[in-house]
Amino acid sequence: MGRQHLPKAWGLVGVVLLFLAITVQAQPESEETPVSPEDAAALATFPNCACDTYRCPNGPYRIDYLRRNATATFVELVFQIELVSCPLTVPCCQILLDSLAKIEFEVQKACEPFFISASVAGFQRTTYFDTQFPTGKIRITNLNMDQFTADRALIVLRMSRNGCNTAATLCQNGDGSCKYATFESSQHKCCPICNTILPPPPMPPSPPPPSPPPPTPFPPSPPPPPPPPP
């Protein structure tokens, strides 16, 4: 009996497999999800990684350039993190609110010899200067911050006085603004890309005060009265 049932069972399996093969072949091939031009551009350029979102408005942090501090041996470029609103319907908004793990700046690769260190919120951080991509990157890692500890925190990039010691000469944009990305972790699911706002131009000098008007001349004296008649 056993020998008789085994071939029948295998015959039934073969029929099922053949039916499944015909069914799969009859179905149209699934199309791959097209890569958006924005995603393709981000893979080829800064920050050179695949993320779920690159759009700046989807992230809760903006970074503003504040000032330049110069000493006898180095220069500090000071930025500040600002907490802003983002759409909570986008998962990366809430993810980054809960965890800010890394910040990257796009910089000139030639600036690598002049980079010294980076600190965030007063603590020196593990930082890398990457030169293996078309443009340079300063990666500030292991932040372990969230919306409460990141808001108003200062980022200080310390550079040598010998080169790349202004935002315009350090950052790839070249105009004084800096492109940056914020990350929730090394998994790179969320990396909104933004640009710092250009600092306002210096105010023009105040015009000199107007010259005082010339004094009003006094009216001429009246002529003397005529002499009395004789």
N, C-alpha and C. Protein backbone atom coordinates (compact mmCIF):
# COMPACT_ATOMS: atom_id res chain seq x y z
N MET A 1 0.83 -1.21 0.00
CA MET A 1 0.00 0.00 0.00
C MET A 1 0.85 1.24 0.00
N GLY A 2 1.92 1.18 0.84
CA GLY A 2 2.75 2.36 0.90
C GLY A 2 3.37 2.68 -0.43
N ARG A 3 3.84 1.64 -1.11
CA ARG A 3 4.48 1.90 -2.38
C ARG A 3 3.50 2.45 -3.40
N GLN A 4 2.23 2.05 -3.28
CA GLN A 4 1.24 2.53 -4.22
C GLN A 4 0.87 3.99 -3.95
N HIS A 5 0.77 4.41 -2.69
CA HIS A 5 0.38 5.78 -2.34
C HIS A 5 1.50 6.80 -2.63
N LEU A 6 2.75 6.39 -2.55
CA LEU A 6 3.85 7.35 -2.75
C LEU A 6 3.86 7.92 -4.14
N PRO A 7 3.80 7.12 -5.20
CA PRO A 7 3.77 7.72 -6.52
C PRO A 7 2.55 8.61 -6.73
N LYS A 8 1.38 8.22 -6.19
CA LYS A 8 0.20 9.06 -6.36
C LYS A 8 0.39 10.41 -5.66
N ALA A 9 0.98 10.37 -4.47
CA ALA A 9 1.20 11.63 -3.75
C ALA A 9 2.14 12.54 -4.52
N TRP A 10 3.23 11.98 -5.02
CA TRP A 10 4.17 12.80 -5.79
C TRP A 10 3.53 13.30 -7.07
N GLY A 11 2.63 12.46 -7.66
CA GLY A 11 1.95 12.93 -8.85
C GLY A 11 1.06 14.11 -8.56
N LEU A 12 0.39 14.10 -7.38
CA LEU A 12 -0.45 15.22 -6.99
C LEU A 12 0.38 16.48 -6.75
N VAL A 13 1.54 16.31 -6.10
CA VAL A 13 2.43 17.46 -5.87
C VAL A 13 2.89 18.05 -7.18
N GLY A 14 3.19 17.16 -8.13
CA GLY A 14 3.65 17.66 -9.42
C GLY A 14 2.59 18.47 -10.12
N VAL A 15 1.34 18.02 -10.03
CA VAL A 15 0.25 18.78 -10.66
C VAL A 15 0.11 20.15 -10.02
N VAL A 16 0.21 20.19 -8.67
CA VAL A 16 0.08 21.48 -7.96
C VAL A 16 1.21 22.41 -8.36
N LEU A 17 2.46 21.90 -8.38
CA LEU A 17 3.60 22.74 -8.76
C LEU A 17 3.45 23.25 -10.18
N LEU A 18 2.98 22.40 -11.09
CA LEU A 18 2.80 22.83 -12.48
C LEU A 18 1.75 23.92 -12.56
N PHE A 19 0.66 23.78 -11.77
CA PHE A 19 -0.39 24.79 -11.76
C PHE A 19 0.13 26.12 -11.24
N LEU A 20 0.94 26.06 -10.17
CA LEU A 20 1.51 27.29 -9.62
C LEU A 20 2.45 27.95 -10.60
N ALA A 21 3.26 27.15 -11.31
CA ALA A 21 4.19 27.72 -12.29
C ALA A 21 3.44 28.43 -13.40
N ILE A 22 2.34 27.80 -13.88
CA ILE A 22 1.56 28.42 -14.95
C ILE A 22 0.91 29.71 -14.45
N THR A 23 0.42 29.68 -13.19
CA THR A 23 -0.23 30.86 -12.62
C THR A 23 0.74 32.02 -12.50
N VAL A 24 1.97 31.74 -12.00
CA VAL A 24 2.98 32.80 -11.85
C VAL A 24 3.36 33.38 -13.19
N GLN A 25 3.53 32.52 -14.21
CA GLN A 25 3.91 33.02 -15.52
C GLN A 25 2.80 33.85 -16.14
N ALA A 26 1.56 33.53 -15.78
CA ALA A 26 0.45 34.27 -16.37
C ALA A 26 0.31 35.66 -15.79
N GLN A 27 0.84 35.89 -14.57
CA GLN A 27 0.71 37.20 -13.94
C GLN A 27 1.74 38.16 -14.51
N PRO A 28 1.36 39.44 -14.66
CA PRO A 28 2.33 40.42 -15.18
C PRO A 28 3.45 40.65 -14.19
N GLU A 29 4.63 40.94 -14.71
CA GLU A 29 5.77 41.20 -13.84
C GLU A 29 5.54 42.49 -13.08
N SER A 30 5.92 42.45 -11.80
CA SER A 30 5.77 43.66 -10.99
C SER A 30 6.83 44.67 -11.38
N GLU A 31 6.39 45.93 -11.44
CA GLU A 31 7.32 47.01 -11.80
C GLU A 31 8.05 47.48 -10.55
N GLU A 32 9.33 47.77 -10.70
CA GLU A 32 10.11 48.30 -9.59
C GLU A 32 9.68 49.74 -9.32
N THR A 33 9.70 50.11 -8.04
CA THR A 33 9.35 51.48 -7.69
C THR A 33 10.41 52.42 -8.24
N PRO A 34 10.02 53.37 -9.07
CA PRO A 34 11.03 54.24 -9.66
C PRO A 34 11.70 55.12 -8.60
N VAL A 35 12.95 55.37 -8.78
CA VAL A 35 13.70 56.25 -7.87
C VAL A 35 13.44 57.68 -8.30
N SER A 36 13.02 58.51 -7.36
CA SER A 36 12.74 59.90 -7.69
C SER A 36 14.03 60.61 -8.05
N PRO A 37 13.93 61.65 -8.88
CA PRO A 37 15.15 62.42 -9.20
C PRO A 37 15.85 62.96 -7.98
N GLU A 38 15.07 63.33 -6.94
CA GLU A 38 15.69 63.86 -5.72
C GLU A 38 16.51 62.78 -5.02
N ASP A 39 15.95 61.55 -4.94
CA ASP A 39 16.68 60.47 -4.29
C ASP A 39 17.92 60.09 -5.07
N ALA A 40 17.80 60.03 -6.40
CA ALA A 40 18.95 59.69 -7.23
C ALA A 40 20.05 60.73 -7.07
N ALA A 41 19.66 62.00 -7.00
CA ALA A 41 20.66 63.06 -6.85
C ALA A 41 21.35 62.96 -5.50
N ALA A 42 20.61 62.62 -4.44
CA ALA A 42 21.21 62.52 -3.11
C ALA A 42 22.18 61.35 -3.03
N LEU A 43 21.91 60.27 -3.76
CA LEU A 43 22.84 59.14 -3.77
C LEU A 43 24.14 59.51 -4.47
N ALA A 44 24.05 60.33 -5.52
CA ALA A 44 25.23 60.70 -6.29
C ALA A 44 25.97 61.88 -5.68
N THR A 45 25.31 62.63 -4.83
CA THR A 45 25.92 63.81 -4.23
C THR A 45 25.73 63.74 -2.72
N PHE A 46 26.07 64.82 -2.04
CA PHE A 46 25.92 64.90 -0.60
C PHE A 46 24.49 64.59 -0.19
N PRO A 47 24.26 63.73 0.82
CA PRO A 47 25.21 63.11 1.74
C PRO A 47 25.67 61.71 1.32
N ASN A 48 25.44 61.35 0.05
CA ASN A 48 25.98 60.09 -0.51
C ASN A 48 25.49 58.85 0.24
N CYS A 49 24.21 58.82 0.56
CA CYS A 49 23.65 57.64 1.22
C CYS A 49 22.17 57.57 0.91
N ALA A 50 21.60 56.38 1.05
CA ALA A 50 20.18 56.16 0.77
C ALA A 50 19.37 56.37 2.04
N CYS A 51 18.39 57.26 1.97
CA CYS A 51 17.54 57.57 3.12
C CYS A 51 16.07 57.50 2.69
N ASP A 52 15.20 57.42 3.68
CA ASP A 52 13.77 57.45 3.39
C ASP A 52 13.31 58.84 3.00
N THR A 53 13.96 59.85 3.54
CA THR A 53 13.60 61.23 3.18
C THR A 53 14.84 62.09 3.19
N TYR A 54 14.90 63.00 2.20
CA TYR A 54 15.98 63.98 2.13
C TYR A 54 15.42 65.40 2.27
N ARG A 55 14.12 65.55 2.29
CA ARG A 55 13.50 66.87 2.19
C ARG A 55 13.68 67.65 3.48
N CYS A 56 14.19 68.86 3.34
CA CYS A 56 14.46 69.69 4.52
C CYS A 56 13.22 69.92 5.38
N PRO A 57 12.03 70.22 4.81
CA PRO A 57 10.87 70.47 5.67
C PRO A 57 10.43 69.27 6.51
N ASN A 58 10.90 68.06 6.18
CA ASN A 58 10.52 66.87 6.95
C ASN A 58 11.34 66.71 8.22
N GLY A 59 12.34 67.54 8.41
CA GLY A 59 13.18 67.45 9.60
C GLY A 59 12.88 68.57 10.59
N PRO A 60 13.08 68.32 11.88
CA PRO A 60 12.73 69.32 12.90
C PRO A 60 13.87 70.26 13.29
N TYR A 61 15.00 70.19 12.59
CA TYR A 61 16.14 71.02 13.00
C TYR A 61 16.62 71.90 11.86
N ARG A 62 16.95 73.14 12.20
CA ARG A 62 17.64 74.04 11.28
C ARG A 62 18.93 74.48 11.97
N ILE A 63 19.93 74.71 11.16
CA ILE A 63 21.23 75.13 11.69
C ILE A 63 21.55 76.50 11.11
N ASP A 64 21.83 77.44 11.98
CA ASP A 64 22.13 78.82 11.57
C ASP A 64 23.60 79.12 11.86
N TYR A 65 24.22 79.84 10.93
CA TYR A 65 25.59 80.30 11.16
C TYR A 65 25.53 81.56 12.01
N LEU A 66 26.29 81.57 13.12
CA LEU A 66 26.23 82.69 14.04
C LEU A 66 27.40 83.66 13.90
N ARG A 67 28.62 83.12 14.01
CA ARG A 67 29.76 84.03 14.08
C ARG A 67 31.06 83.28 13.85
N ARG A 68 32.12 84.05 13.77
CA ARG A 68 33.49 83.54 13.59
C ARG A 68 34.34 84.09 14.73
N ASN A 69 34.93 83.17 15.50
CA ASN A 69 35.82 83.57 16.59
C ASN A 69 37.26 83.26 16.20
N ALA A 70 38.14 84.23 16.23
CA ALA A 70 39.54 84.04 15.84
C ALA A 70 40.44 84.18 17.05
N THR A 71 41.41 83.27 17.16
CA THR A 71 42.45 83.35 18.18
C THR A 71 43.80 83.40 17.48
N ALA A 72 44.86 83.37 18.27
CA ALA A 72 46.20 83.43 17.68
C ALA A 72 46.55 82.15 16.93
N THR A 73 45.91 81.01 17.26
CA THR A 73 46.30 79.73 16.66
C THR A 73 45.19 79.05 15.86
N PHE A 74 43.93 79.38 16.09
CA PHE A 74 42.86 78.72 15.36
C PHE A 74 41.67 79.66 15.22
N VAL A 75 40.71 79.21 14.41
CA VAL A 75 39.47 79.96 14.17
C VAL A 75 38.30 79.04 14.46
N GLU A 76 37.27 79.54 15.13
CA GLU A 76 36.06 78.77 15.40
C GLU A 76 34.90 79.33 14.58
N LEU A 77 34.26 78.44 13.80
CA LEU A 77 33.04 78.79 13.09
C LEU A 77 31.87 78.26 13.91
N VAL A 78 31.02 79.15 14.37
CA VAL A 78 29.99 78.81 15.35
C VAL A 78 28.62 78.78 14.67
N PHE A 79 27.93 77.65 14.84
CA PHE A 79 26.57 77.47 14.33
C PHE A 79 25.65 77.17 15.52
N GLN A 80 24.36 77.30 15.29
CA GLN A 80 23.39 76.98 16.35
C GLN A 80 22.23 76.16 15.78
N ILE A 81 21.86 75.09 16.51
CA ILE A 81 20.72 74.26 16.13
C ILE A 81 19.43 74.92 16.63
N GLU A 82 18.45 74.97 15.76
CA GLU A 82 17.16 75.55 16.13
C GLU A 82 16.07 74.51 15.87
N LEU A 83 15.21 74.32 16.85
CA LEU A 83 14.07 73.41 16.72
C LEU A 83 12.95 74.11 15.98
N VAL A 84 12.46 73.48 14.90
CA VAL A 84 11.37 74.05 14.11
C VAL A 84 10.27 73.00 13.96
N SER A 85 9.14 73.43 13.45
CA SER A 85 8.03 72.50 13.27
C SER A 85 8.25 71.66 12.02
N CYS A 86 7.73 70.44 12.03
CA CYS A 86 7.77 69.55 10.87
C CYS A 86 6.50 68.71 10.90
N PRO A 87 6.11 68.13 9.76
CA PRO A 87 4.84 67.38 9.71
C PRO A 87 4.94 66.05 10.44
N LEU A 88 4.18 65.90 11.50
CA LEU A 88 4.23 64.67 12.29
C LEU A 88 3.66 63.48 11.52
N THR A 89 2.96 63.74 10.41
CA THR A 89 2.49 62.63 9.57
C THR A 89 3.63 61.96 8.82
N VAL A 90 4.78 62.63 8.73
CA VAL A 90 5.97 62.05 8.11
C VAL A 90 6.76 61.34 9.21
N PRO A 91 7.01 60.04 9.10
CA PRO A 91 7.67 59.32 10.20
C PRO A 91 8.99 59.94 10.62
N CYS A 92 9.77 60.42 9.68
CA CYS A 92 11.10 60.93 10.03
C CYS A 92 11.04 62.17 10.91
N CYS A 93 9.96 62.90 10.85
CA CYS A 93 9.83 64.06 11.73
C CYS A 93 9.89 63.63 13.19
N GLN A 94 9.05 62.67 13.57
CA GLN A 94 9.04 62.21 14.95
C GLN A 94 10.30 61.44 15.31
N ILE A 95 10.83 60.67 14.36
CA ILE A 95 12.05 59.90 14.62
C ILE A 95 13.20 60.83 14.99
N LEU A 96 13.35 61.93 14.25
CA LEU A 96 14.43 62.86 14.53
C LEU A 96 14.16 63.68 15.80
N LEU A 97 12.90 63.95 16.09
CA LEU A 97 12.60 64.61 17.35
C LEU A 97 13.07 63.77 18.53
N ASP A 98 12.95 62.47 18.40
CA ASP A 98 13.33 61.57 19.49
C ASP A 98 14.82 61.25 19.51
N SER A 99 15.49 61.38 18.34
CA SER A 99 16.89 60.97 18.29
C SER A 99 17.63 61.73 17.20
N LEU A 100 18.54 62.60 17.62
CA LEU A 100 19.48 63.24 16.70
C LEU A 100 20.85 62.64 16.98
N ALA A 101 21.34 61.83 16.04
CA ALA A 101 22.57 61.07 16.28
C ALA A 101 23.77 61.62 15.54
N LYS A 102 23.53 62.30 14.40
CA LYS A 102 24.68 62.70 13.59
C LYS A 102 24.33 63.94 12.77
N ILE A 103 25.32 64.77 12.54
CA ILE A 103 25.20 65.95 11.67
C ILE A 103 26.37 65.92 10.70
N GLU A 104 26.09 66.20 9.44
CA GLU A 104 27.13 66.27 8.42
C GLU A 104 27.08 67.61 7.72
N PHE A 105 28.26 68.16 7.42
CA PHE A 105 28.39 69.37 6.63
C PHE A 105 29.10 69.02 5.32
N GLU A 106 28.62 69.56 4.20
CA GLU A 106 29.32 69.40 2.93
C GLU A 106 30.37 70.49 2.81
N VAL A 107 31.63 70.08 2.65
CA VAL A 107 32.74 71.03 2.68
C VAL A 107 33.70 70.75 1.51
N GLN A 108 34.64 71.66 1.35
CA GLN A 108 35.67 71.50 0.33
C GLN A 108 36.66 70.42 0.77
N LYS A 109 36.94 69.47 -0.13
CA LYS A 109 37.89 68.41 0.24
C LYS A 109 39.28 68.98 0.55
N ALA A 110 39.65 70.07 -0.12
CA ALA A 110 40.97 70.65 0.11
C ALA A 110 41.14 71.22 1.51
N CYS A 111 40.05 71.32 2.27
CA CYS A 111 40.12 71.88 3.62
C CYS A 111 40.52 70.85 4.67
N GLU A 112 40.64 69.59 4.29
CA GLU A 112 40.93 68.54 5.27
C GLU A 112 42.17 68.82 6.12
N PRO A 113 43.30 69.33 5.54
CA PRO A 113 44.48 69.57 6.40
C PRO A 113 44.26 70.66 7.44
N PHE A 114 43.25 71.51 7.26
CA PHE A 114 43.06 72.64 8.16
C PHE A 114 41.99 72.39 9.22
N PHE A 115 41.32 71.24 9.14
CA PHE A 115 40.28 70.93 10.12
C PHE A 115 40.92 70.40 11.40
N ILE A 116 40.47 70.90 12.55
CA ILE A 116 41.03 70.49 13.85
C ILE A 116 40.05 69.63 14.63
N SER A 117 38.85 70.12 14.90
CA SER A 117 37.91 69.37 15.72
C SER A 117 36.52 69.99 15.60
N ALA A 118 35.55 69.31 16.22
CA ALA A 118 34.18 69.81 16.28
C ALA A 118 33.61 69.53 17.65
N SER A 119 32.83 70.46 18.16
CA SER A 119 32.14 70.26 19.43
C SER A 119 30.68 70.64 19.26
N VAL A 120 29.83 69.99 20.04
CA VAL A 120 28.39 70.27 20.04
C VAL A 120 27.94 70.38 21.49
N ALA A 121 27.23 71.45 21.80
CA ALA A 121 26.73 71.69 23.17
C ALA A 121 27.86 71.69 24.19
N GLY A 122 29.02 72.17 23.78
CA GLY A 122 30.14 72.29 24.71
C GLY A 122 30.99 71.05 24.88
N PHE A 123 30.66 69.96 24.18
CA PHE A 123 31.42 68.71 24.30
C PHE A 123 32.07 68.38 22.96
N GLN A 124 33.36 68.05 22.99
CA GLN A 124 34.02 67.61 21.76
C GLN A 124 33.48 66.26 21.34
N ARG A 125 33.16 66.12 20.05
CA ARG A 125 32.50 64.93 19.54
C ARG A 125 33.42 64.13 18.62
N THR A 126 33.07 62.87 18.44
CA THR A 126 33.78 62.03 17.48
C THR A 126 33.46 62.54 16.08
N THR A 127 34.48 62.95 15.37
CA THR A 127 34.28 63.65 14.10
C THR A 127 35.22 63.08 13.05
N TYR A 128 34.74 63.03 11.82
CA TYR A 128 35.53 62.53 10.69
C TYR A 128 35.46 63.55 9.55
N PHE A 129 36.56 63.65 8.85
CA PHE A 129 36.59 64.48 7.63
C PHE A 129 36.74 63.51 6.46
N ASP A 130 35.65 63.29 5.72
CA ASP A 130 35.64 62.32 4.62
C ASP A 130 36.07 62.99 3.32
N THR A 131 36.95 62.31 2.59
CA THR A 131 37.41 62.82 1.30
C THR A 131 37.21 61.82 0.17
N GLN A 132 36.51 60.70 0.42
CA GLN A 132 36.37 59.68 -0.61
C GLN A 132 35.19 59.94 -1.55
N PHE A 133 34.43 61.01 -1.31
CA PHE A 133 33.29 61.34 -2.15
C PHE A 133 33.65 62.52 -3.06
N PRO A 134 32.79 62.84 -4.02
CA PRO A 134 33.10 63.98 -4.90
C PRO A 134 33.33 65.29 -4.14
N THR A 135 32.62 65.48 -3.03
CA THR A 135 32.87 66.63 -2.17
C THR A 135 33.20 66.14 -0.77
N GLY A 136 33.82 66.99 0.02
CA GLY A 136 34.19 66.60 1.37
C GLY A 136 33.00 66.61 2.32
N LYS A 137 33.15 65.89 3.43
CA LYS A 137 32.12 65.86 4.47
C LYS A 137 32.78 65.93 5.84
N ILE A 138 32.24 66.76 6.70
CA ILE A 138 32.56 66.71 8.12
C ILE A 138 31.42 65.99 8.80
N ARG A 139 31.70 64.81 9.38
CA ARG A 139 30.70 64.00 10.05
C ARG A 139 30.88 64.11 11.56
N ILE A 140 29.87 64.62 12.23
CA ILE A 140 29.88 64.73 13.69
C ILE A 140 28.95 63.65 14.21
N THR A 141 29.49 62.65 14.91
CA THR A 141 28.74 61.44 15.25
C THR A 141 28.54 61.31 16.77
N ASN A 142 27.78 60.26 17.13
CA ASN A 142 27.55 59.91 18.54
C ASN A 142 27.00 61.09 19.35
N LEU A 143 26.03 61.79 18.77
CA LEU A 143 25.48 62.95 19.47
C LEU A 143 24.57 62.54 20.62
N ASN A 144 23.73 61.52 20.42
CA ASN A 144 22.81 61.07 21.46
C ASN A 144 21.96 62.22 22.01
N MET A 145 21.36 62.99 21.10
CA MET A 145 20.56 64.14 21.49
C MET A 145 19.12 63.92 21.05
N ASP A 146 18.23 64.76 21.56
CA ASP A 146 16.84 64.77 21.13
C ASP A 146 16.40 66.22 21.03
N GLN A 147 15.10 66.42 20.82
CA GLN A 147 14.59 67.77 20.61
C GLN A 147 14.87 68.70 21.78
N PHE A 148 14.96 68.15 22.98
CA PHE A 148 15.16 68.99 24.15
C PHE A 148 16.63 69.38 24.34
N THR A 149 17.53 68.46 24.08
CA THR A 149 18.95 68.75 24.25
C THR A 149 19.57 69.41 23.02
N ALA A 150 18.92 69.25 21.86
CA ALA A 150 19.49 69.81 20.63
C ALA A 150 19.11 71.27 20.43
N ASP A 151 17.93 71.66 20.86
CA ASP A 151 17.46 73.02 20.61
C ASP A 151 18.38 74.04 21.25
N ARG A 152 18.86 74.97 20.43
CA ARG A 152 19.75 76.08 20.83
C ARG A 152 21.18 75.63 21.12
N ALA A 153 21.48 74.38 20.88
CA ALA A 153 22.86 73.91 21.10
C ALA A 153 23.79 74.50 20.06
N LEU A 154 25.02 74.80 20.48
CA LEU A 154 26.02 75.38 19.58
C LEU A 154 26.88 74.29 18.96
N ILE A 155 27.16 74.44 17.68
CA ILE A 155 28.12 73.59 16.96
C ILE A 155 29.33 74.45 16.65
N VAL A 156 30.50 73.99 17.03
CA VAL A 156 31.72 74.76 16.81
C VAL A 156 32.68 73.93 15.97
N LEU A 157 32.98 74.42 14.77
CA LEU A 157 33.99 73.79 13.92
C LEU A 157 35.28 74.57 14.08
N ARG A 158 36.31 73.90 14.57
CA ARG A 158 37.59 74.56 14.82
C ARG A 158 38.52 74.30 13.63
N MET A 159 39.01 75.39 13.05
CA MET A 159 39.86 75.32 11.87
C MET A 159 41.19 76.02 12.14
N SER A 160 42.20 75.62 11.39
CA SER A 160 43.49 76.30 11.45
C SER A 160 43.35 77.70 10.87
N ARG A 161 44.19 78.60 11.35
CA ARG A 161 44.20 79.95 10.78
C ARG A 161 44.80 79.96 9.37
N ASN A 162 45.45 78.86 8.98
CA ASN A 162 46.19 78.85 7.72
C ASN A 162 45.32 78.61 6.50
N GLY A 163 44.04 78.26 6.69
CA GLY A 163 43.19 78.05 5.52
C GLY A 163 41.81 77.59 5.90
N CYS A 164 40.84 77.82 5.00
CA CYS A 164 39.45 77.37 5.19
C CYS A 164 38.88 77.84 6.52
N ASN A 165 39.17 79.06 6.90
CA ASN A 165 38.74 79.53 8.21
C ASN A 165 37.58 80.52 8.15
N THR A 166 36.82 80.45 7.05
CA THR A 166 35.55 81.18 6.96
C THR A 166 34.51 80.21 6.41
N ALA A 167 33.25 80.53 6.63
CA ALA A 167 32.19 79.67 6.10
C ALA A 167 32.24 79.62 4.58
N ALA A 168 32.60 80.72 3.96
CA ALA A 168 32.63 80.76 2.49
C ALA A 168 33.75 79.90 1.92
N THR A 169 34.89 79.81 2.61
CA THR A 169 36.01 79.01 2.09
C THR A 169 35.96 77.56 2.54
N LEU A 170 35.25 77.27 3.64
CA LEU A 170 35.15 75.89 4.12
C LEU A 170 34.02 75.13 3.41
N CYS A 171 32.85 75.70 3.35
CA CYS A 171 31.68 74.97 2.85
C CYS A 171 31.66 74.93 1.33
N GLN A 172 31.13 73.84 0.80
CA GLN A 172 31.14 73.60 -0.64
C GLN A 172 30.34 74.65 -1.40
N ASN A 173 29.32 75.23 -0.78
CA ASN A 173 28.50 76.22 -1.49
C ASN A 173 29.34 77.39 -1.98
N GLY A 174 30.31 77.80 -1.16
CA GLY A 174 31.22 78.86 -1.58
C GLY A 174 30.68 80.26 -1.46
N ASP A 175 29.45 80.43 -0.97
CA ASP A 175 28.87 81.77 -0.88
C ASP A 175 28.65 82.22 0.56
N GLY A 176 29.16 81.45 1.51
CA GLY A 176 28.94 81.78 2.92
C GLY A 176 27.88 80.93 3.57
N SER A 177 27.04 80.24 2.77
CA SER A 177 26.06 79.31 3.32
C SER A 177 26.67 77.91 3.34
N CYS A 178 26.12 77.02 4.15
CA CYS A 178 26.64 75.66 4.28
C CYS A 178 25.49 74.66 4.15
N LYS A 179 25.71 73.63 3.33
CA LYS A 179 24.74 72.54 3.22
C LYS A 179 25.03 71.52 4.31
N TYR A 180 23.95 71.04 4.95
CA TYR A 180 24.13 70.09 6.05
C TYR A 180 22.99 69.08 6.02
N ALA A 181 23.19 67.96 6.69
CA ALA A 181 22.17 66.91 6.84
C ALA A 181 22.14 66.46 8.27
N THR A 182 20.95 66.15 8.78
CA THR A 182 20.78 65.62 10.12
C THR A 182 20.28 64.18 10.03
N PHE A 183 20.77 63.33 10.93
CA PHE A 183 20.49 61.89 10.89
C PHE A 183 19.98 61.43 12.24
N GLU A 184 19.10 60.42 12.19
CA GLU A 184 18.60 59.85 13.44
C GLU A 184 19.51 58.76 13.97
N SER A 185 20.29 58.10 13.11
CA SER A 185 21.18 57.02 13.55
C SER A 185 22.07 56.65 12.39
N SER A 186 22.91 55.66 12.59
CA SER A 186 23.77 55.20 11.51
C SER A 186 23.00 54.41 10.47
N GLN A 187 21.70 54.13 10.72
CA GLN A 187 20.88 53.41 9.74
C GLN A 187 20.50 54.28 8.55
N HIS A 188 20.64 55.60 8.70
CA HIS A 188 20.41 56.53 7.58
C HIS A 188 18.99 56.45 7.03
N LYS A 189 18.01 56.20 7.87
CA LYS A 189 16.64 56.22 7.37
C LYS A 189 16.18 57.64 7.10
N CYS A 190 16.63 58.57 7.91
CA CYS A 190 16.20 59.96 7.80
C CYS A 190 17.42 60.85 7.70
N CYS A 191 17.52 61.61 6.64
CA CYS A 191 18.65 62.56 6.52
C CYS A 191 18.20 63.80 5.75
N PRO A 192 17.34 64.62 6.34
CA PRO A 192 16.95 65.86 5.66
C PRO A 192 18.16 66.73 5.34
N ILE A 193 18.17 67.29 4.14
CA ILE A 193 19.27 68.13 3.68
C ILE A 193 18.78 69.57 3.63
N CYS A 194 19.52 70.46 4.26
CA CYS A 194 19.14 71.87 4.31
C CYS A 194 20.37 72.73 4.03
N ASN A 195 20.15 74.01 3.93
CA ASN A 195 21.23 74.99 3.80
C ASN A 195 21.08 76.03 4.89
N THR A 196 22.20 76.43 5.45
CA THR A 196 22.15 77.56 6.37
C THR A 196 21.76 78.80 5.59
N ILE A 197 21.15 79.74 6.30
CA ILE A 197 20.74 80.99 5.67
C ILE A 197 21.95 81.91 5.62
N LEU A 198 22.11 82.56 4.48
CA LEU A 198 23.23 83.49 4.36
C LEU A 198 23.10 84.59 5.41
N PRO A 199 24.21 84.95 6.04
CA PRO A 199 24.13 86.05 7.00
C PRO A 199 23.73 87.33 6.29
N PRO A 200 22.99 88.19 6.97
CA PRO A 200 22.58 89.44 6.30
C PRO A 200 23.80 90.29 5.97
N PRO A 201 23.74 91.04 4.87
CA PRO A 201 24.87 91.92 4.55
C PRO A 201 25.03 93.00 5.60
N PRO A 202 26.23 93.49 5.76
CA PRO A 202 26.41 94.54 6.76
C PRO A 202 25.60 95.78 6.41
N MET A 203 25.15 96.44 7.44
CA MET A 203 24.36 97.65 7.23
C MET A 203 25.24 98.74 6.63
N PRO A 204 24.71 99.49 5.69
CA PRO A 204 25.51 100.60 5.14
C PRO A 204 25.78 101.63 6.22
N PRO A 205 26.88 102.36 6.10
CA PRO A 205 27.17 103.38 7.12
C PRO A 205 26.09 104.45 7.13
N SER A 206 25.87 104.98 8.30
CA SER A 206 24.87 106.04 8.43
C SER A 206 25.35 107.29 7.70
N PRO A 207 24.45 107.96 7.05
CA PRO A 207 24.87 109.20 6.36
C PRO A 207 25.31 110.25 7.38
N PRO A 208 26.20 111.11 6.99
CA PRO A 208 26.63 112.17 7.93
C PRO A 208 25.45 113.08 8.24
N PRO A 209 25.46 113.65 9.43
CA PRO A 209 24.36 114.57 9.76
C PRO A 209 24.39 115.78 8.84
N PRO A 210 23.25 116.33 8.56
CA PRO A 210 23.22 117.50 7.65
C PRO A 210 23.94 118.69 8.28
N SER A 211 24.54 119.45 7.42
CA SER A 211 25.22 120.66 7.90
C SER A 211 24.17 121.63 8.44
N PRO A 212 24.53 122.36 9.48
CA PRO A 212 23.55 123.32 10.00
C PRO A 212 23.26 124.39 8.94
N PRO A 213 22.04 124.82 8.88
CA PRO A 213 21.72 125.87 7.89
C PRO A 213 22.46 127.15 8.22
N PRO A 214 22.76 127.91 7.21
CA PRO A 214 23.44 129.20 7.49
C PRO A 214 22.51 130.11 8.29
N PRO A 215 23.11 130.95 9.09
CA PRO A 215 22.26 131.85 9.90
C PRO A 215 21.43 132.77 9.01
N THR A 216 20.25 133.03 9.46
CA THR A 216 19.37 133.93 8.71
C THR A 216 19.90 135.35 8.85
N PRO A 217 20.14 136.00 7.72
CA PRO A 217 20.66 137.38 7.85
C PRO A 217 19.60 138.30 8.46
N PHE A 218 20.11 139.23 9.23
CA PHE A 218 19.20 140.21 9.82
C PHE A 218 18.70 141.15 8.72
N PRO A 219 17.47 141.63 8.84
CA PRO A 219 16.99 142.60 7.82
C PRO A 219 17.78 143.88 7.91
N PRO A 220 17.89 144.54 6.79
CA PRO A 220 18.67 145.81 6.83
C PRO A 220 18.02 146.82 7.77
N SER A 221 18.88 147.64 8.36
CA SER A 221 18.37 148.69 9.26
C SER A 221 17.59 149.72 8.45
N PRO A 222 16.54 150.22 9.05
CA PRO A 222 15.78 151.26 8.31
C PRO A 222 16.64 152.51 8.12
N PRO A 223 16.36 153.24 7.08
CA PRO A 223 17.16 154.47 6.86
C PRO A 223 16.88 155.46 7.99
N PRO A 224 17.84 156.31 8.24
CA PRO A 224 17.61 157.32 9.31
C PRO A 224 16.47 158.26 8.90
N PRO A 225 15.77 158.80 9.89
CA PRO A 225 14.68 159.75 9.56
C PRO A 225 15.23 161.01 8.90
N PRO A 226 14.45 161.60 8.09
CA PRO A 226 14.91 162.87 7.46
C PRO A 226 15.11 163.96 8.52
N PRO A 227 15.94 164.93 8.24
CA PRO A 227 16.13 166.02 9.22
C PRO A 227 14.86 166.84 9.33
N PRO A 228 14.65 167.45 10.48
CA PRO A 228 13.44 168.29 10.62
C PRO A 228 13.52 169.50 9.69
N PRO A 229 12.38 170.00 9.30
CA PRO A 229 12.38 171.20 8.40
C PRO A 229 12.95 172.41 9.17
N PRO A 230 13.47 173.36 8.48
CA PRO A 230 14.02 174.56 9.16
C PRO A 230 12.88 175.43 9.69
